[in-house]
Protein backbone atom coordinates (compact mmCIF):
# COMPACT_ATOMS: atom_id res chain seq x y z
CA UNK A 1 7.49 18.99 1.17
CA UNK A 2 10.20 20.63 -0.71
CA UNK A 3 11.13 21.15 -4.61
CA UNK A 4 13.17 18.34 -5.91
CA UNK A 5 13.80 16.44 -8.55
CA UNK A 6 9.91 15.69 -9.18
CA UNK A 7 8.86 13.00 -12.05
CA UNK A 8 6.42 13.92 -14.57
CA UNK A 9 4.04 11.49 -14.67
CA UNK A 10 0.33 12.34 -14.46
CA UNK A 11 -2.02 11.46 -11.34
CA UNK A 12 -3.90 8.97 -13.80
CA UNK A 13 -0.79 7.42 -16.24
CA UNK A 14 1.23 4.65 -14.93
CA UNK A 15 4.66 5.57 -14.72
CA UNK A 16 6.24 2.07 -15.58
CA UNK A 17 3.06 0.18 -17.27
CA UNK A 18 2.98 -3.55 -15.48
CA UNK A 19 2.84 -6.39 -17.92
CA UNK A 20 -0.17 -7.35 -19.15
CA UNK A 21 -0.62 -10.58 -18.18
CA UNK A 22 0.03 -11.70 -14.03
CA UNK A 23 3.28 -12.80 -12.93
CA UNK A 24 4.14 -15.78 -11.22
CA UNK A 25 7.29 -15.98 -8.87
CA UNK A 26 7.88 -18.92 -6.71
CA UNK A 27 11.01 -19.94 -4.59
CA UNK A 28 11.81 -23.00 -3.11
CA UNK A 29 13.97 -23.18 -0.32
CA UNK A 30 14.74 -25.32 2.22
CA UNK A 31 13.04 -23.10 4.53
CA UNK A 32 9.81 -23.32 2.64
CA UNK A 33 8.07 -21.89 -0.68
CA UNK A 34 6.96 -18.60 -1.70
CA UNK A 35 4.48 -17.42 -4.87
CA UNK A 36 3.16 -14.32 -5.38
CA UNK A 37 0.86 -13.44 -8.04
CA UNK A 38 0.50 -9.91 -9.29
CA UNK A 39 -2.88 -9.24 -11.39
CA UNK A 40 -3.24 -6.49 -14.29
CA UNK A 41 -5.70 -3.61 -13.40
CA UNK A 42 -8.91 -4.73 -13.51
CA UNK A 43 -10.83 -1.19 -11.64
CA UNK A 44 -10.46 1.88 -11.30
CA UNK A 45 -8.74 3.07 -7.78
CA UNK A 46 -7.37 -0.62 -7.33
CA UNK A 47 -3.49 0.19 -7.72
CA UNK A 48 -2.45 -3.14 -7.20
CA UNK A 49 -3.86 -6.25 -6.56
CA UNK A 50 -1.52 -9.46 -5.33
CA UNK A 51 -2.49 -12.95 -4.59
CA UNK A 52 0.17 -15.09 -2.13
CA UNK A 53 0.59 -18.09 -1.07
CA UNK A 54 3.71 -19.13 1.80
CA UNK A 55 4.81 -21.96 3.61
CA UNK A 56 7.39 -21.52 5.52
CA UNK A 57 9.50 -23.47 8.48
CA UNK A 58 10.12 -20.13 10.12
CA UNK A 59 7.34 -18.12 11.18
CA UNK A 60 8.42 -14.50 11.27
CA UNK A 61 7.01 -11.02 12.00
CA UNK A 62 6.50 -8.95 9.13
CA UNK A 63 6.39 -5.20 8.90
CA UNK A 64 3.39 -3.28 6.80
CA UNK A 65 4.77 0.07 5.77
CA UNK A 66 3.29 2.92 5.25
CA UNK A 67 1.99 3.48 1.91
CA UNK A 68 0.39 6.15 -0.01
CA UNK A 69 -2.09 3.77 -0.61
CA UNK A 70 -5.28 2.03 1.51
CA UNK A 71 -4.52 -1.97 2.40
CA UNK A 72 -7.38 -4.57 1.86
CA UNK A 73 -5.80 -7.92 2.62
CA UNK A 74 -8.64 -11.11 2.32
CA UNK A 75 -7.18 -14.24 4.05
CA UNK A 76 -7.11 -17.06 2.60
CA UNK A 77 -6.34 -19.38 5.53
CA UNK A 78 -7.21 -18.49 9.07
CA UNK A 79 -6.96 -14.98 10.67
CA UNK A 80 -4.22 -13.08 9.93
CA UNK A 81 -2.73 -11.22 13.65
CA UNK A 82 -1.38 -7.90 13.88
CA UNK A 83 -0.53 -5.16 15.79
CA UNK A 84 1.25 -1.36 16.29
CA UNK A 85 3.75 -2.94 18.24
CA UNK A 86 5.35 -6.41 17.68
CA UNK A 87 4.33 -7.34 21.43
CA UNK A 88 0.93 -6.39 20.60
CA UNK A 89 0.99 -8.63 17.36
CA UNK A 90 2.54 -11.49 18.62
CA UNK A 91 0.45 -10.99 22.21
CA UNK A 92 -3.18 -11.71 23.41
CA UNK A 93 -4.42 -8.07 22.25
CA UNK A 94 -3.56 -8.75 18.26
CA UNK A 95 -6.31 -7.57 16.42
CA UNK A 96 -7.22 -11.09 14.59
CA UNK A 97 -9.58 -10.80 11.23
CA UNK A 98 -9.52 -12.60 8.13
CA UNK A 99 -10.49 -9.57 6.21
CA UNK A 100 -7.88 -6.76 7.19
CA UNK A 101 -8.80 -3.03 5.56
CA UNK A 102 -5.64 -0.29 6.83
CA UNK A 103 -5.76 3.35 6.17
CA UNK A 104 -2.71 5.73 5.75
CA UNK A 105 -0.57 5.76 8.53
CA UNK A 106 2.82 7.18 9.47
CA UNK A 107 4.47 3.64 11.30
CA UNK A 108 4.50 0.09 10.24
CA UNK A 109 1.90 -2.37 11.37
CA UNK A 110 3.28 -5.83 12.49
CA UNK A 111 1.93 -8.74 11.08
CA UNK A 112 2.49 -12.24 11.95
CA UNK A 113 3.39 -14.56 9.06
CA UNK A 114 2.04 -18.00 9.98
CA UNK A 115 4.26 -21.26 8.72
CA UNK A 116 1.55 -21.64 6.12
CA UNK A 117 -0.35 -18.18 5.00
CA UNK A 118 -2.53 -17.25 1.84
CA UNK A 119 -4.54 -14.43 0.55
CA UNK A 120 -4.90 -11.33 -1.93
CA UNK A 121 -3.70 -8.05 -0.87
CA UNK A 122 -5.09 -4.71 -2.91
CA UNK A 123 -3.72 -1.16 -2.51
CA UNK A 124 -6.51 0.95 -3.01
CA UNK A 125 -6.41 4.61 -4.18
CA UNK A 126 -7.42 6.66 -0.73
CA UNK A 127 -9.55 8.85 -3.11
CA UNK A 128 -11.64 5.40 -4.19
CA UNK A 129 -11.98 4.50 -1.02
CA UNK A 130 -15.68 6.61 -0.90
CA UNK A 131 -16.57 4.22 -4.03
CA UNK A 132 -14.96 0.63 -2.82
CA UNK A 133 -15.01 1.08 0.62
CA UNK A 134 -18.15 2.89 1.27
CA UNK A 135 -16.41 6.06 3.24
CA UNK A 136 -13.52 8.27 3.13
CA UNK A 137 -9.83 7.19 3.62
CA UNK A 138 -9.92 9.61 6.99
CA UNK A 139 -12.49 7.46 9.00
CA UNK A 140 -9.83 4.59 8.42
CA UNK A 141 -7.16 6.57 10.52
CA UNK A 142 -8.11 5.71 14.21
CA UNK A 143 -7.10 2.34 13.79
CA UNK A 144 -4.15 1.02 12.08
CA UNK A 145 -6.08 -1.82 11.48
CA UNK A 146 -9.79 -2.25 10.62
CA UNK A 147 -11.92 -5.51 10.67
CA UNK A 148 -12.86 -6.30 6.87
CA UNK A 149 -16.75 -6.79 8.05
CA UNK A 150 -16.74 -3.61 9.82
CA UNK A 151 -16.27 -1.81 6.60
CA UNK A 152 -17.97 -3.72 3.96
CA UNK A 153 -20.39 -5.66 5.42
CA UNK A 154 -21.32 -9.09 6.22
CA UNK A 155 -20.94 -9.89 2.86
CA UNK A 156 -17.53 -9.59 2.16
CA UNK A 157 -17.57 -12.79 4.66
CA UNK A 158 -19.52 -14.42 2.20
CA UNK A 159 -17.11 -13.40 -0.89
CA UNK A 160 -13.96 -14.61 1.82
CA UNK A 161 -15.46 -18.34 1.91
CA UNK A 162 -16.03 -18.02 -2.07
CA UNK A 163 -12.28 -16.98 -2.56
CA UNK A 164 -11.26 -19.69 -0.36
CA UNK A 165 -13.17 -22.44 -2.50
CA UNK A 166 -11.60 -21.47 -6.17
CA UNK A 167 -8.09 -22.96 -7.25
CA UNK A 168 -7.03 -20.85 -9.69
CA UNK A 169 -5.94 -16.97 -8.74
CA UNK A 170 -7.10 -15.74 -11.96
CA UNK A 171 -10.69 -16.99 -10.59
CA UNK A 172 -10.01 -15.50 -7.38
CA UNK A 173 -9.04 -12.07 -9.03
CA UNK A 174 -12.36 -12.02 -11.00
CA UNK A 175 -14.60 -12.78 -8.11
CA UNK A 176 -13.10 -10.35 -5.95
CA UNK A 177 -13.10 -7.00 -8.70
CA UNK A 178 -16.69 -8.04 -9.61
CA UNK A 179 -17.73 -7.70 -5.91
CA UNK A 180 -15.94 -4.44 -5.63
CA UNK A 181 -17.46 -3.61 -9.20
CA UNK A 182 -21.00 -4.29 -8.14
CA UNK A 183 -20.31 -2.03 -4.75
CA UNK A 184 -19.09 0.82 -6.60
CA UNK A 185 -21.90 0.39 -9.29
CA UNK A 186 -24.52 0.56 -5.88
CA UNK A 187 -23.11 2.20 -3.09
CA UNK A 188 -23.33 6.09 -3.44
CA UNK A 189 -23.99 7.20 0.21
CA UNK A 190 -20.48 8.03 0.88
CA UNK A 191 -20.61 10.99 -1.27
CA UNK A 192 -17.65 12.40 -4.01
CA UNK A 193 -14.32 14.07 -3.47
CA UNK A 194 -13.64 17.84 -3.66
CA UNK A 195 -12.67 18.67 -6.82
CA UNK A 196 -9.57 20.78 -4.69
CA UNK A 197 -8.34 17.81 -3.11
CA UNK A 198 -8.37 15.46 -5.95
CA UNK A 199 -6.30 17.65 -7.78
CA UNK A 200 -4.12 18.46 -4.93
CA UNK A 201 -3.35 14.78 -4.58
CA UNK A 202 -2.88 14.42 -8.30
CA UNK A 203 -0.45 17.73 -8.31
CA UNK A 204 1.44 15.68 -5.74
CA UNK A 205 1.93 12.35 -7.22
CA UNK A 206 3.40 14.36 -10.14
CA UNK A 207 5.67 16.01 -8.49
CA UNK A 208 6.63 12.30 -6.52
CA UNK A 209 6.18 14.20 -3.01
CA UNK A 210 8.42 17.13 -3.55
CA UNK A 211 7.28 21.05 -4.26
CA UNK A 212 5.99 23.31 -1.70
CA UNK A 213 2.63 23.65 -0.11
CA UNK A 214 2.51 27.28 -1.07
CA UNK A 215 3.03 26.19 -4.66
CA UNK A 216 0.39 23.40 -4.28
CA UNK A 217 -2.03 25.80 -2.61
CA UNK A 218 -1.62 28.42 -5.45
CA UNK A 219 -2.44 25.46 -7.86
CA UNK A 220 -5.66 24.75 -6.41
CA UNK A 221 -6.82 28.22 -5.88
CA UNK A 222 -6.91 27.57 -1.51
CA UNK A 223 -5.54 28.78 1.10
CA UNK A 224 -3.10 26.56 2.86
CA UNK A 225 -4.53 26.24 5.95
CA UNK A 226 -8.21 25.48 3.84
CA UNK A 227 -6.54 23.01 1.67
CA UNK A 228 -4.54 21.33 4.97
CA UNK A 229 -8.44 20.80 6.29
CA UNK A 230 -9.87 19.57 3.46
CA UNK A 231 -7.12 17.03 2.64
CA UNK A 232 -6.97 15.78 5.97
CA UNK A 233 -10.71 15.39 6.44
CA UNK A 234 -10.63 13.49 3.18
CA UNK A 235 -7.58 11.43 3.85
CA UNK A 236 -6.20 11.37 7.37
CA UNK A 237 -3.01 12.82 6.67
CA UNK A 238 -2.10 16.67 5.77
CA UNK A 239 -0.60 17.72 2.17
CA UNK A 240 2.94 17.50 3.80
CA UNK A 241 2.32 14.28 5.24
CA UNK A 242 0.94 12.40 2.09
CA UNK A 243 4.12 14.08 0.18
CA UNK A 244 6.53 12.69 2.27
CA UNK A 245 4.82 8.92 2.13
CA UNK A 246 4.56 9.05 -1.82
CA UNK A 247 8.38 10.37 -1.76
CA UNK A 248 9.87 7.51 0.51
CA UNK A 249 7.62 5.24 -1.76
CA UNK A 250 9.45 5.71 -4.77
CA UNK A 251 13.01 5.95 -2.99
CA UNK A 252 11.73 2.07 -1.75
CA UNK A 253 11.10 1.14 -4.86
CA UNK A 254 14.53 2.18 -6.03
CA UNK A 255 15.81 0.64 -3.42
CA UNK A 256 14.02 -2.42 -4.04
CA UNK A 257 14.87 -2.64 -7.53
CA UNK A 258 18.57 -2.59 -6.89
CA UNK A 259 18.33 -5.70 -5.18
CA UNK A 260 15.80 -7.53 -7.46
CA UNK A 261 18.35 -6.71 -9.90
CA UNK A 262 20.88 -8.53 -7.67
CA UNK A 263 22.92 -5.09 -6.48
CA UNK A 264 23.19 -3.61 -3.62
CA UNK A 265 21.26 -0.10 -3.48
CA UNK A 266 23.49 3.22 -3.69
CA UNK A 267 21.31 5.12 -1.00
CA UNK A 268 23.34 8.25 -1.71
CA UNK A 269 22.07 8.04 -5.20
CA UNK A 270 18.77 7.07 -4.05
CA UNK A 271 18.37 9.77 -2.40
CA UNK A 272 19.44 12.34 -4.71
CA UNK A 273 17.35 11.06 -7.46
CA UNK A 274 13.92 10.81 -5.13
CA UNK A 275 14.03 14.60 -3.67
CA UNK A 276 16.06 13.92 -0.51
CA UNK A 277 18.54 16.60 0.72
CA UNK A 278 20.90 14.09 1.14
CA UNK A 279 21.22 10.20 2.25
CA UNK A 280 20.68 10.77 6.18
CA UNK A 281 17.33 12.41 5.05
CA UNK A 282 16.63 9.66 3.13
CA UNK A 283 17.86 7.14 6.35
CA UNK A 284 15.77 9.27 8.87
CA UNK A 285 12.23 8.73 6.60
CA UNK A 286 13.72 5.11 6.30
CA UNK A 287 13.73 4.81 10.18
CA UNK A 288 10.17 6.52 10.98
CA UNK A 289 8.55 4.33 8.36
CA UNK A 290 9.92 0.82 8.78
CA UNK A 291 11.27 1.61 12.70
CA UNK A 292 14.34 -0.02 11.34
CA UNK A 293 17.46 1.28 9.24
CA UNK A 294 17.43 0.01 5.66
CA UNK A 295 20.27 -2.22 6.21
CA UNK A 296 17.94 -4.23 8.37
CA UNK A 297 14.84 -3.65 6.31
CA UNK A 298 15.88 -5.24 3.37
CA UNK A 299 17.74 -8.19 5.29
CA UNK A 300 14.48 -9.01 6.53
CA UNK A 301 12.59 -8.88 3.14
CA UNK A 302 15.31 -9.80 0.87
CA UNK A 303 13.52 -13.17 0.13
CA UNK A 304 10.79 -11.53 -0.13
CA UNK A 305 11.90 -9.27 -2.78
CA UNK A 306 13.64 -11.87 -4.44
CA UNK A 307 10.33 -13.49 -4.89
CA UNK A 308 8.58 -10.50 -6.23
CA UNK A 309 6.11 -9.88 -3.53
CA UNK A 310 7.52 -6.22 -3.81
CA UNK A 311 6.89 -6.06 -7.62
CA UNK A 312 9.97 -4.58 -8.37
CA UNK A 313 9.08 -1.71 -7.03
CA UNK A 314 6.45 -0.26 -8.79
CA UNK A 315 2.64 0.46 -8.13
CA UNK A 316 0.49 1.42 -10.21
CA UNK A 317 -0.23 4.68 -10.04
CA UNK A 318 -3.21 5.75 -10.17
């Protein structure tokens, strides 16, 4: 962590409020079509909810990038194939599951994009994992991707089947949020997050990943060692690692907004505005988290950005 140009948004406020109604964008091209539907927040702990449906004549490999949030995907088609490397994702040892739960990670997950695919992807706040998933986020760090029924139980498979039977995105979002709300109301076995960890995460979010570990530890009145141990036990990451992810998330959002607006991103300006030392510092983080240069990643994701898959670059902060 370093002291930089941090934002002043609070841990439970929305930096850029999303529209109340969902956004739907569809692109029809020679190569196929893409549809992304973003739902307004319905449940505390769900940072974003996106429904997607694509039909593409060019199957590809997608990089699922690290972020400060957990990922939950309910496929509305066949199983999703993924892996830690392109070779694993496309090989016989790929992880194939209809429901994906992904923890906090520091390298991309490679996901095979089939010719046709549909599903609902949720970004879940890691401190809501105990409430919504029934376990702390740290329990998911051993595997890049975990099968959903291993986390939710067999009931999740029944919910997925019902999602597949529905025609309207609004009805699907309502069903899924209702299921998660019921879990949150009935499952208390996972315990609660220590207040020092919750406040530490909120402090990092307010500073957008800037600041120092010393400043954070003084704020929550814990030694750096004790804070790091508690934070890692809850999230699977150290405070420094979480701070880097938050800073990268804001930088990536700025890059996405520039591309969505039709212009090339000014990486030097983005670096300065999001707390990086310089342009090369930002590029190094891009290399780590995407395993590609910013230029290459944008070339791969340009179509998804234009279709609204990245939501203009902002998620709903909680």
